[in-house]
N, C-alpha and C. Protein backbone atom coordinates (compact mmCIF):
# COMPACT_ATOMS: atom_id res chain seq x y z
N UNK A 1 21.57 -39.73 23.89
CA UNK A 1 20.66 -39.01 24.32
C UNK A 1 19.77 -38.40 24.09
N UNK A 2 18.46 -38.16 24.44
CA UNK A 2 17.64 -37.34 24.08
C UNK A 2 17.35 -36.30 25.05
N UNK A 3 17.26 -34.89 24.63
CA UNK A 3 17.04 -33.76 25.53
C UNK A 3 15.79 -32.79 24.93
N UNK A 4 15.70 -32.49 25.94
CA UNK A 4 14.34 -31.45 25.44
C UNK A 4 14.70 -29.68 25.66
N UNK A 5 15.25 -29.11 24.45
CA UNK A 5 15.67 -27.94 24.68
C UNK A 5 15.18 -26.50 24.22
N UNK A 6 15.07 -25.81 25.09
CA UNK A 6 14.86 -24.46 24.61
C UNK A 6 15.57 -23.94 24.00
N UNK A 7 15.20 -23.36 22.77
CA UNK A 7 16.17 -22.62 21.36
C UNK A 7 15.66 -21.39 20.83
N UNK A 8 16.64 -20.31 20.36
CA UNK A 8 16.07 -19.41 20.05
C UNK A 8 16.57 -19.32 18.31
N UNK A 9 15.59 -18.57 17.47
CA UNK A 9 15.87 -18.70 16.19
C UNK A 9 15.35 -17.45 15.49
N UNK A 10 15.44 -17.07 14.08
CA UNK A 10 14.69 -16.06 13.37
C UNK A 10 13.66 -16.90 12.57
N UNK A 11 12.81 -16.75 12.39
CA UNK A 11 11.98 -17.22 11.56
C UNK A 11 11.18 -16.54 10.43
N UNK A 12 11.56 -16.78 9.46
CA UNK A 12 10.66 -16.13 8.06
C UNK A 12 9.28 -16.79 7.66
N UNK A 13 8.11 -15.59 8.19
CA UNK A 13 6.73 -16.21 7.91
C UNK A 13 6.38 -15.74 6.54
N UNK A 14 6.32 -16.70 5.82
CA UNK A 14 5.89 -16.31 3.97
C UNK A 14 4.72 -15.29 4.21
N UNK A 15 4.56 -14.25 3.00
CA UNK A 15 3.45 -13.21 3.02
C UNK A 15 2.04 -13.92 2.75
N UNK A 16 1.89 -15.05 2.19
CA UNK A 16 0.55 -15.87 1.94
C UNK A 16 0.14 -16.42 3.15
N UNK A 17 1.11 -16.62 4.48
CA UNK A 17 0.61 -17.10 5.60
C UNK A 17 0.24 -15.79 6.62
N UNK A 18 0.60 -14.56 6.14
CA UNK A 18 0.24 -13.75 7.34
C UNK A 18 -0.96 -13.50 7.99
N UNK A 19 -2.04 -14.06 7.50
CA UNK A 19 -3.54 -13.85 7.97
C UNK A 19 -3.67 -14.63 8.78
N UNK A 20 -2.82 -15.88 9.04
CA UNK A 20 -3.33 -16.96 9.85
C UNK A 20 -2.56 -16.81 11.27
N UNK A 21 -3.08 -17.63 12.29
CA UNK A 21 -2.54 -17.64 13.68
C UNK A 21 -1.13 -17.77 13.73
N UNK A 22 -0.42 -16.87 14.26
CA UNK A 22 1.23 -16.56 13.92
C UNK A 22 1.70 -17.40 15.04
N UNK A 23 1.44 -18.10 15.75
CA UNK A 23 2.28 -18.90 16.86
C UNK A 23 2.10 -20.44 15.87
N UNK A 24 0.97 -20.54 15.36
CA UNK A 24 1.05 -21.90 14.57
C UNK A 24 1.44 -22.05 13.34
N UNK A 25 1.70 -20.65 12.81
CA UNK A 25 2.53 -20.60 11.39
C UNK A 25 3.88 -20.94 11.93
N UNK A 26 4.39 -20.26 12.70
CA UNK A 26 6.04 -20.29 13.04
C UNK A 26 6.21 -22.20 13.50
N UNK A 27 5.05 -22.58 14.31
CA UNK A 27 5.59 -23.94 14.62
C UNK A 27 5.59 -24.63 12.88
N UNK A 28 4.90 -24.44 12.16
CA UNK A 28 4.76 -25.23 11.30
C UNK A 28 5.83 -25.18 10.44
N UNK A 29 6.72 -23.87 10.33
CA UNK A 29 7.52 -23.15 9.32
C UNK A 29 8.91 -24.15 10.23
N UNK A 30 8.97 -23.88 11.72
CA UNK A 30 10.45 -24.44 12.34
C UNK A 30 10.09 -26.17 12.34
N UNK A 31 9.13 -26.77 12.56
CA UNK A 31 8.81 -28.09 11.78
C UNK A 31 9.55 -28.82 10.58
N UNK A 32 8.57 -28.04 9.71
CA UNK A 32 9.58 -28.30 8.39
C UNK A 32 10.60 -27.89 8.08
N UNK A 33 11.45 -26.92 8.42
CA UNK A 33 12.84 -26.41 8.51
C UNK A 33 13.72 -27.33 9.38
N UNK A 34 13.54 -27.67 10.78
CA UNK A 34 14.06 -28.37 11.27
C UNK A 34 14.07 -30.00 11.66
N UNK A 35 12.62 -30.71 11.65
CA UNK A 35 12.72 -31.88 11.73
C UNK A 35 13.30 -32.89 10.97
N UNK A 36 14.08 -33.80 11.54
CA UNK A 36 15.11 -34.47 10.54
C UNK A 36 16.42 -33.91 10.12
N UNK A 37 16.79 -32.82 10.49
CA UNK A 37 18.18 -32.18 10.41
C UNK A 37 18.82 -32.25 11.39
N UNK A 38 20.35 -31.90 10.81
CA UNK A 38 21.19 -32.18 12.39
C UNK A 38 22.37 -31.06 12.22
N UNK A 39 22.22 -30.52 13.52
CA UNK A 39 22.94 -29.50 13.87
C UNK A 39 24.16 -30.00 14.86
N UNK A 40 25.57 -29.85 14.24
CA UNK A 40 26.63 -30.45 14.69
C UNK A 40 26.96 -30.08 16.45
N UNK A 41 26.50 -28.83 16.67
CA UNK A 41 26.13 -28.54 18.48
C UNK A 41 25.18 -28.57 18.88
N UNK A 42 23.68 -28.99 18.24
CA UNK A 42 22.78 -29.00 19.08
C UNK A 42 22.51 -30.54 19.21
N UNK A 43 22.40 -31.04 18.09
CA UNK A 43 22.19 -32.38 17.80
C UNK A 43 21.45 -32.86 16.76
N UNK A 44 20.66 -33.89 16.38
CA UNK A 44 19.57 -34.41 15.43
C UNK A 44 18.03 -33.82 15.89
N UNK A 45 17.66 -32.85 15.21
CA UNK A 45 16.24 -32.64 15.78
C UNK A 45 15.00 -33.89 15.54
N UNK A 46 14.38 -34.10 16.60
CA UNK A 46 13.29 -35.02 16.35
C UNK A 46 12.01 -34.49 16.08
N UNK A 47 11.93 -33.54 16.96
CA UNK A 47 10.60 -33.05 16.82
C UNK A 47 10.69 -31.75 17.25
N UNK A 48 10.11 -30.47 16.81
CA UNK A 48 9.65 -29.26 17.32
C UNK A 48 8.54 -29.05 18.16
N UNK A 49 8.56 -29.11 19.27
CA UNK A 49 7.25 -29.17 19.91
C UNK A 49 6.27 -28.12 20.66
N UNK A 50 7.00 -26.78 20.59
CA UNK A 50 6.09 -25.70 20.55
C UNK A 50 6.96 -24.48 20.54
N UNK A 51 6.01 -23.34 20.44
CA UNK A 51 6.49 -22.11 20.24
C UNK A 51 6.19 -21.11 21.57
N UNK A 52 7.33 -20.85 22.39
CA UNK A 52 6.88 -20.19 23.75
C UNK A 52 7.16 -18.80 23.74
N UNK A 53 7.94 -18.00 22.63
CA UNK A 53 7.61 -16.48 22.69
C UNK A 53 8.07 -16.14 21.20
N UNK A 54 7.24 -15.23 20.85
CA UNK A 54 7.33 -14.32 19.29
C UNK A 54 7.58 -12.92 19.89
N UNK A 55 8.90 -12.45 19.24
CA UNK A 55 9.65 -11.21 19.10
C UNK A 55 8.49 -10.09 18.48
N UNK A 56 9.12 -8.80 18.36
CA UNK A 56 8.40 -8.00 17.06
C UNK A 56 8.81 -8.38 15.81
N UNK A 57 8.09 -8.34 14.58
CA UNK A 57 8.24 -8.74 13.41
C UNK A 57 9.05 -7.64 12.55
N UNK A 58 10.18 -7.87 11.93
CA UNK A 58 10.96 -7.22 11.06
C UNK A 58 10.69 -7.26 9.66
N UNK A 59 10.69 -6.30 8.67
CA UNK A 59 10.56 -6.54 7.47
C UNK A 59 11.92 -6.01 6.62
N UNK A 60 12.04 -6.65 5.69
CA UNK A 60 13.22 -6.81 4.72
C UNK A 60 12.82 -6.09 3.41
N UNK A 61 13.38 -4.92 2.85
CA UNK A 61 12.75 -4.45 1.71
C UNK A 61 13.24 -5.40 0.44
N UNK A 62 12.37 -5.55 -0.33
CA UNK A 62 12.07 -6.31 -1.39
C UNK A 62 11.53 -7.80 -0.99
N UNK A 63 11.18 -8.28 -0.10
CA UNK A 63 10.64 -9.24 0.48
C UNK A 63 9.69 -8.96 1.36
N UNK A 64 8.52 -10.03 0.83
CA UNK A 64 7.18 -9.59 1.56
C UNK A 64 7.05 -10.54 2.58
N UNK A 65 7.96 -11.04 3.33
CA UNK A 65 7.84 -11.79 4.41
C UNK A 65 8.13 -11.08 5.77
N UNK A 66 7.86 -11.74 6.67
CA UNK A 66 7.86 -10.97 7.93
C UNK A 66 8.81 -11.74 8.83
N UNK A 67 9.81 -11.52 9.12
CA UNK A 67 10.97 -12.02 10.19
C UNK A 67 10.69 -11.80 11.64
N UNK A 68 10.77 -13.10 12.28
CA UNK A 68 10.26 -12.74 13.87
C UNK A 68 11.58 -13.89 14.61
N UNK A 69 11.99 -13.00 15.84
CA UNK A 69 12.66 -13.87 16.96
C UNK A 69 12.10 -14.56 17.62
N UNK A 70 12.27 -15.93 17.62
CA UNK A 70 11.44 -16.77 18.36
C UNK A 70 12.18 -17.52 19.25
N UNK A 71 11.51 -17.91 20.37
CA UNK A 71 11.65 -18.92 21.38
C UNK A 71 10.89 -19.95 21.38
N UNK A 72 11.64 -21.17 21.34
CA UNK A 72 11.02 -22.67 20.85
C UNK A 72 11.53 -23.85 21.95
N UNK A 73 10.74 -24.56 21.75
CA UNK A 73 11.13 -25.97 22.31
C UNK A 73 11.09 -27.21 21.58
N UNK A 74 12.44 -27.64 21.80
CA UNK A 74 12.42 -29.02 20.51
C UNK A 74 12.96 -30.36 21.05
N UNK A 75 12.84 -31.36 20.77
CA UNK A 75 13.22 -32.70 21.39
C UNK A 75 14.56 -32.97 20.13
N UNK A 76 15.47 -33.39 20.66
CA UNK A 76 16.89 -33.54 19.90
C UNK A 76 17.33 -34.73 20.57
N UNK A 77 18.54 -35.39 19.82
CA UNK A 77 18.90 -36.72 20.00
C UNK A 77 20.67 -36.30 20.00
N UNK A 78 21.33 -36.37 20.81
CA UNK A 78 22.80 -35.81 20.68
C UNK A 78 23.51 -36.94 20.86
N UNK A 79 24.24 -37.80 20.19
CA UNK A 79 24.93 -38.80 20.04
C UNK A 79 26.19 -38.13 20.52
N UNK A 80 26.95 -39.14 21.38
CA UNK A 80 28.37 -38.90 22.09
C UNK A 80 28.86 -40.50 21.64
N UNK A 81 30.52 -40.47 21.44
CA UNK A 81 30.85 -41.87 21.29
C UNK A 81 30.80 -42.67 22.71
N UNK A 82 30.91 -43.91 22.75
CA UNK A 82 30.65 -45.03 23.95
C UNK A 82 29.22 -44.82 24.68
N UNK A 83 28.35 -44.07 24.24
CA UNK A 83 27.06 -43.60 24.73
C UNK A 83 26.39 -45.05 24.56
N UNK A 84 25.37 -45.57 25.21
CA UNK A 84 24.54 -46.82 25.38
C UNK A 84 23.30 -46.11 24.90
N UNK A 85 22.98 -47.10 23.77
CA UNK A 85 21.79 -46.37 23.33
C UNK A 85 20.67 -47.57 22.88
N UNK A 86 19.46 -47.34 22.75
CA UNK A 86 18.54 -48.23 22.35
C UNK A 86 17.92 -47.79 21.01
N UNK A 87 17.60 -48.72 20.15
CA UNK A 87 17.00 -48.55 18.53
C UNK A 87 16.37 -49.65 18.23
N UNK A 88 15.70 -49.56 17.15
CA UNK A 88 14.87 -50.60 16.44
C UNK A 88 15.52 -50.90 15.15
N UNK A 89 15.67 -52.21 15.00
CA UNK A 89 16.32 -52.85 13.88
C UNK A 89 15.39 -52.38 12.54
N UNK A 90 15.63 -51.79 11.36
CA UNK A 90 15.23 -51.71 10.51
C UNK A 90 15.25 -52.68 9.09
N UNK A 91 16.26 -53.07 8.93
CA UNK A 91 16.98 -53.83 7.95
C UNK A 91 18.14 -54.66 8.11
N UNK A 92 18.08 -56.03 7.76
CA UNK A 92 19.26 -56.83 8.23
C UNK A 92 19.99 -56.99 6.67
N UNK A 93 21.06 -57.21 6.43
CA UNK A 93 21.80 -57.39 5.47
C UNK A 93 23.04 -58.75 5.87
N UNK A 94 23.52 -59.00 4.65
CA UNK A 94 24.89 -60.05 5.24
C UNK A 94 26.09 -59.76 5.81
N UNK A 95 26.04 -57.98 5.83
CA UNK A 95 27.09 -57.48 6.47
C UNK A 95 26.90 -57.01 7.67
N UNK A 96 25.46 -56.94 7.95
CA UNK A 96 24.97 -56.11 9.51
C UNK A 96 23.51 -56.15 9.63
N UNK A 97 23.46 -55.04 10.65
CA UNK A 97 21.84 -54.72 10.59
C UNK A 97 21.80 -53.06 11.08
N UNK A 98 20.60 -52.41 10.30
CA UNK A 98 20.65 -51.00 10.39
C UNK A 98 19.37 -50.68 11.31
N UNK A 99 20.10 -50.03 12.23
CA UNK A 99 19.16 -49.62 13.38
C UNK A 99 18.71 -47.94 13.61
N UNK A 100 17.30 -47.78 13.59
CA UNK A 100 17.04 -46.70 13.68
C UNK A 100 17.24 -45.89 15.23
N UNK A 101 17.48 -44.66 14.84
CA UNK A 101 17.58 -43.95 16.40
C UNK A 101 16.70 -42.62 16.35
N UNK A 102 16.15 -42.97 15.75
CA UNK A 102 14.91 -41.67 15.67
C UNK A 102 15.28 -41.02 14.33
N UNK A 103 15.73 -39.90 14.25
CA UNK A 103 15.90 -39.23 12.60
C UNK A 103 17.00 -39.71 11.94
N UNK A 104 18.27 -40.50 12.71
CA UNK A 104 19.08 -41.25 11.80
C UNK A 104 19.05 -42.61 11.79
N UNK A 105 19.76 -43.63 11.15
CA UNK A 105 19.68 -44.54 11.24
C UNK A 105 21.36 -45.24 11.97
N UNK A 106 21.94 -46.22 12.22
CA UNK A 106 23.11 -46.72 12.56
C UNK A 106 23.39 -47.80 12.02
N UNK A 107 24.53 -47.98 11.96
CA UNK A 107 24.97 -49.33 11.36
C UNK A 107 25.57 -50.49 12.22
N UNK A 108 25.17 -51.49 12.73
CA UNK A 108 25.74 -52.33 13.43
C UNK A 108 26.09 -53.33 12.89
N UNK A 109 27.63 -53.53 12.68
CA UNK A 109 28.34 -54.54 11.46
C UNK A 109 28.52 -56.00 12.34
N UNK A 110 28.23 -56.91 11.23
CA UNK A 110 28.07 -58.42 11.97
C UNK A 110 29.36 -58.62 12.97
N UNK A 111 30.56 -58.01 12.59
CA UNK A 111 31.85 -58.34 13.49
C UNK A 111 31.61 -57.90 14.82
N UNK A 112 30.37 -56.97 15.11
CA UNK A 112 29.92 -56.14 16.29
C UNK A 112 29.08 -56.70 16.84
N UNK A 113 28.61 -57.67 16.79
CA UNK A 113 27.34 -58.41 16.74
C UNK A 113 27.62 -59.24 18.19
N UNK A 114 28.56 -60.51 18.12
CA UNK A 114 29.16 -61.18 19.02
C UNK A 114 29.89 -61.97 18.70
N UNK A 115 30.71 -62.61 19.46
CA UNK A 115 31.95 -63.18 19.51
C UNK A 115 31.81 -64.55 18.75
N UNK A 116 30.52 -65.23 18.60
CA UNK A 116 30.18 -66.19 17.57
C UNK A 116 30.22 -65.43 16.09
N UNK A 117 30.24 -66.61 15.14
CA UNK A 117 30.47 -66.61 13.88
C UNK A 117 28.68 -66.29 13.79
N UNK A 118 28.30 -65.40 12.45
CA UNK A 118 27.20 -64.63 12.41
C UNK A 118 26.82 -65.39 10.85
N UNK A 119 25.57 -66.01 10.63
CA UNK A 119 25.00 -66.39 9.42
C UNK A 119 24.22 -65.57 9.09
N UNK A 120 23.94 -64.98 8.11
CA UNK A 120 22.66 -64.35 7.31
C UNK A 120 21.56 -65.17 6.65
N UNK A 121 20.37 -65.31 7.37
CA UNK A 121 19.34 -66.04 6.80
C UNK A 121 18.76 -65.18 5.76
N UNK A 122 18.76 -65.28 4.47
CA UNK A 122 18.28 -64.14 3.71
C UNK A 122 16.69 -64.46 3.35
N UNK A 123 16.27 -65.69 3.54
CA UNK A 123 15.04 -65.83 3.38
C UNK A 123 13.95 -65.23 4.54
N UNK A 124 14.52 -65.14 5.73
CA UNK A 124 13.58 -64.58 6.94
C UNK A 124 14.51 -63.21 7.40
N UNK A 125 15.59 -62.73 6.61
CA UNK A 125 15.92 -61.30 7.00
C UNK A 125 16.32 -61.42 8.35
N UNK A 126 17.22 -62.65 8.80
CA UNK A 126 17.93 -62.59 10.17
C UNK A 126 19.15 -62.77 10.31
N UNK A 127 19.73 -62.23 11.19
CA UNK A 127 21.22 -62.38 11.33
C UNK A 127 21.46 -63.45 12.63
N UNK A 128 22.07 -64.67 12.14
CA UNK A 128 22.10 -65.99 13.45
C UNK A 128 23.56 -66.19 14.06
N UNK A 129 23.57 -65.90 15.31
CA UNK A 129 24.72 -66.51 15.77
C UNK A 129 24.86 -68.01 15.68
N UNK A 130 25.82 -68.71 15.41
CA UNK A 130 25.66 -70.22 15.05
C UNK A 130 25.72 -71.13 16.11
N UNK A 131 26.28 -70.44 17.59
CA UNK A 131 26.63 -71.56 18.63
C UNK A 131 25.22 -71.29 19.30
N UNK A 132 24.90 -70.04 19.95
CA UNK A 132 23.51 -70.14 20.71
C UNK A 132 22.58 -69.94 20.24
N UNK A 133 22.30 -69.87 18.62
CA UNK A 133 20.94 -69.59 17.96
C UNK A 133 20.74 -68.41 18.12
N UNK A 134 20.73 -67.53 19.06
CA UNK A 134 20.28 -66.46 18.74
C UNK A 134 20.33 -65.39 17.67
N UNK A 135 19.17 -64.62 17.74
CA UNK A 135 19.29 -64.14 16.17
C UNK A 135 18.76 -62.36 16.32
N UNK A 136 19.03 -61.90 15.09
CA UNK A 136 18.35 -60.40 15.17
C UNK A 136 17.67 -60.19 13.99
N UNK A 137 16.40 -59.87 14.08
CA UNK A 137 15.39 -59.61 12.78
C UNK A 137 14.98 -58.26 12.94
N UNK A 138 14.36 -58.11 11.87
CA UNK A 138 13.80 -56.59 11.72
C UNK A 138 12.68 -56.32 12.82
N UNK A 139 12.52 -55.33 13.21
CA UNK A 139 11.44 -54.68 14.11
C UNK A 139 12.01 -55.39 15.36
N UNK A 140 13.19 -55.52 15.84
CA UNK A 140 13.51 -55.98 17.23
C UNK A 140 13.90 -54.53 18.00
N UNK A 141 14.08 -54.67 19.11
CA UNK A 141 14.69 -53.49 19.69
C UNK A 141 15.80 -54.24 20.35
N UNK A 142 16.99 -53.25 20.51
CA UNK A 142 18.20 -53.61 21.03
C UNK A 142 19.01 -52.59 21.62
N UNK A 143 20.01 -52.92 22.41
CA UNK A 143 20.69 -51.69 23.32
C UNK A 143 21.87 -51.92 22.62
N UNK A 144 22.80 -50.86 22.32
CA UNK A 144 23.97 -51.12 21.62
C UNK A 144 24.77 -49.84 22.33
N UNK A 145 26.50 -49.84 21.83
CA UNK A 145 27.23 -48.81 21.96
C UNK A 145 27.39 -47.83 20.98
N UNK A 146 27.60 -46.69 20.89
CA UNK A 146 28.17 -45.91 19.68
C UNK A 146 29.74 -46.13 19.72
N UNK A 147 30.15 -46.24 18.39
CA UNK A 147 31.64 -46.67 18.48
C UNK A 147 32.20 -45.81 17.56
N UNK A 148 31.41 -45.42 16.40
CA UNK A 148 31.99 -44.36 15.53
C UNK A 148 30.71 -43.57 15.19
N UNK A 149 31.05 -41.90 14.98
CA UNK A 149 30.30 -41.18 14.90
C UNK A 149 30.65 -39.90 14.00
N UNK A 150 30.04 -39.90 12.66
CA UNK A 150 30.39 -39.08 11.96
C UNK A 150 29.38 -38.48 11.40
N UNK A 151 28.71 -37.15 12.01
CA UNK A 151 27.54 -36.64 11.27
C UNK A 151 27.80 -35.66 10.23
N UNK A 152 26.73 -35.70 9.22
CA UNK A 152 26.52 -34.82 8.08
C UNK A 152 25.37 -33.76 8.29
N UNK A 153 25.63 -32.87 8.56
CA UNK A 153 24.78 -31.54 8.66
C UNK A 153 23.88 -31.42 7.55
N UNK A 154 24.52 -31.67 6.25
CA UNK A 154 23.57 -31.21 5.05
C UNK A 154 22.78 -32.04 4.83
N UNK A 155 23.46 -33.65 4.89
CA UNK A 155 22.56 -34.79 4.48
C UNK A 155 22.55 -35.47 5.38
N UNK A 156 21.51 -35.32 6.26
CA UNK A 156 21.50 -36.09 7.98
C UNK A 156 21.43 -37.57 7.46
N UNK A 157 20.82 -38.07 6.29
CA UNK A 157 20.86 -39.61 5.88
C UNK A 157 22.30 -40.10 5.46
N UNK A 158 22.95 -39.33 5.29
CA UNK A 158 24.32 -39.70 4.97
C UNK A 158 25.54 -39.76 5.99
N UNK A 159 24.84 -39.52 7.14
CA UNK A 159 25.77 -39.53 8.78
C UNK A 159 26.22 -41.01 9.04
N UNK A 160 27.38 -41.07 9.47
CA UNK A 160 27.68 -42.62 9.73
C UNK A 160 27.77 -42.88 11.09
N UNK A 161 27.08 -44.01 11.50
CA UNK A 161 27.03 -44.16 13.05
C UNK A 161 27.33 -45.35 12.99
N UNK A 162 28.42 -45.73 13.90
CA UNK A 162 28.70 -47.40 14.08
C UNK A 162 28.21 -47.60 15.36
N UNK A 163 27.93 -48.68 15.60
CA UNK A 163 27.54 -49.51 17.09
C UNK A 163 28.06 -50.89 17.30
N UNK A 164 28.23 -51.12 18.20
CA UNK A 164 28.69 -52.78 18.96
C UNK A 164 27.66 -53.27 19.83
N UNK A 165 27.55 -54.42 19.81
CA UNK A 165 26.77 -55.25 21.17
C UNK A 165 27.84 -56.04 21.92
N UNK A 166 29.05 -56.04 21.49
CA UNK A 166 29.94 -57.02 21.99
C UNK A 166 30.22 -57.04 23.57
N UNK A 167 30.06 -56.03 24.34
CA UNK A 167 30.21 -56.22 25.72
C UNK A 167 28.89 -56.39 26.46
N UNK A 168 29.01 -57.28 27.50
CA UNK A 168 27.92 -57.29 28.70
C UNK A 168 26.90 -55.95 28.92
N UNK A 169 25.44 -56.81 28.97
CA UNK A 169 24.67 -55.71 28.99
C UNK A 169 23.64 -55.13 27.78
N UNK A 170 24.46 -55.42 26.61
CA UNK A 170 23.99 -54.98 25.18
C UNK A 170 23.58 -56.36 24.53
N UNK A 171 22.60 -56.08 23.64
CA UNK A 171 22.00 -56.84 22.79
C UNK A 171 20.90 -56.64 22.73
N UNK A 172 19.80 -57.76 21.70
CA UNK A 172 18.34 -57.36 21.80
C UNK A 172 17.43 -57.33 22.70
N UNK A 173 16.51 -57.30 23.10
CA UNK A 173 15.54 -57.14 24.33
C UNK A 173 15.37 -58.77 24.71
N UNK A 174 15.42 -59.55 23.79
CA UNK A 174 15.27 -60.87 24.23
C UNK A 174 16.47 -61.46 24.69
N UNK A 175 17.81 -60.92 23.90
CA UNK A 175 18.85 -61.56 24.49
C UNK A 175 19.31 -60.86 26.23
N UNK A 176 18.79 -59.63 26.52
CA UNK A 176 18.96 -59.00 27.58
C UNK A 176 18.15 -59.75 28.73
N UNK A 177 16.50 -60.08 28.21
CA UNK A 177 15.81 -60.61 29.24
C UNK A 177 16.46 -62.34 29.76
N UNK A 178 16.85 -62.75 28.60
CA UNK A 178 17.55 -64.51 28.87
C UNK A 178 18.72 -64.23 30.01
N UNK A 179 19.68 -63.24 29.60
CA UNK A 179 20.65 -63.10 30.35
C UNK A 179 20.07 -62.60 32.00
N UNK A 180 19.30 -61.95 31.94
CA UNK A 180 18.59 -61.74 33.48
C UNK A 180 18.10 -62.60 34.25
N UNK A 181 17.39 -63.89 33.39
CA UNK A 181 16.93 -65.16 34.04
C UNK A 181 17.93 -65.98 34.43
N UNK A 182 19.13 -66.16 33.52
CA UNK A 182 20.23 -66.58 33.71
C UNK A 182 20.88 -66.31 35.22
N UNK A 183 20.92 -65.02 35.23
CA UNK A 183 21.64 -64.26 36.31
C UNK A 183 20.97 -64.94 37.69
N UNK A 184 19.35 -64.36 37.65
CA UNK A 184 18.56 -64.75 38.70
C UNK A 184 18.29 -66.29 39.29
N UNK A 185 18.87 -67.32 38.25
CA UNK A 185 19.26 -68.95 38.41
C UNK A 185 20.50 -68.76 39.15
N UNK A 186 21.38 -68.29 38.55
CA UNK A 186 22.96 -68.19 39.37
C UNK A 186 22.83 -68.10 40.88
N UNK A 187 21.79 -66.83 41.02
CA UNK A 187 21.98 -66.02 42.55
C UNK A 187 21.20 -67.21 43.33
N UNK A 188 19.93 -67.85 42.98
CA UNK A 188 19.17 -68.88 43.63
C UNK A 188 19.80 -69.95 43.99
N UNK A 189 20.67 -70.93 42.87
CA UNK A 189 21.66 -71.70 43.19
C UNK A 189 22.77 -71.54 44.29
N UNK A 190 23.21 -70.15 44.10
CA UNK A 190 24.62 -69.73 45.11
C UNK A 190 23.47 -69.53 46.63
N UNK A 191 22.83 -68.85 46.54
CA UNK A 191 21.44 -68.91 47.80
C UNK A 191 21.63 -70.27 48.34
N UNK A 192 21.05 -71.17 47.59
CA UNK A 192 21.03 -72.63 48.12
C UNK A 192 22.32 -73.22 48.94
N UNK A 193 23.72 -72.84 48.07
CA UNK A 193 24.73 -73.50 48.51
C UNK A 193 25.14 -73.05 49.81
N UNK A 194 24.61 -71.83 49.88
CA UNK A 194 25.67 -70.84 51.00
C UNK A 194 24.48 -71.65 52.51
N UNK A 195 23.20 -71.83 52.04
CA UNK A 195 22.41 -72.21 53.24
C UNK A 195 22.50 -73.83 53.99
N UNK A 196 23.35 -74.19 52.77
CA UNK A 196 23.46 -75.82 53.50
C UNK A 196 24.70 -75.83 54.48
């Protein structure tokens, strides 16, 4: 789930940037340090959106920088097991699809796509369900559930997030739209029978 958070931190402003507008420099430093990083308690930082308060600066002997206590706003994604989340397919392989969730990618293994046999169309970079002919391709949006979660704070790209689409209400946007149409058709037919 995505959260807009108000956080506090101490920010080091390097000496070569001390003549610039302070909030702008602090925002630059926070964005460089935090965006794309992961904190297990806070989540994965997507964006630092603004600096709200800047405290008095502190000097440390031997360091030409000034350290400020800062209150700022950030957008983070905090994943939990069994959470339903939407993402975009960024790569398909013979063993599954990689799904972008913002600052991190998750893995949707072929065994977690459908009960059907899944084949890989390497030429078109698609995973295809054999019976229904539904497929997953790069660039498609999908809704899935988080089934495994191992976050790596030091190397966010090494985090391991596993997804599933095997329950109802999950799948690519096209699959979900098809299911809605089928459901409406069933309701219409059911209403016609009741009226007889």
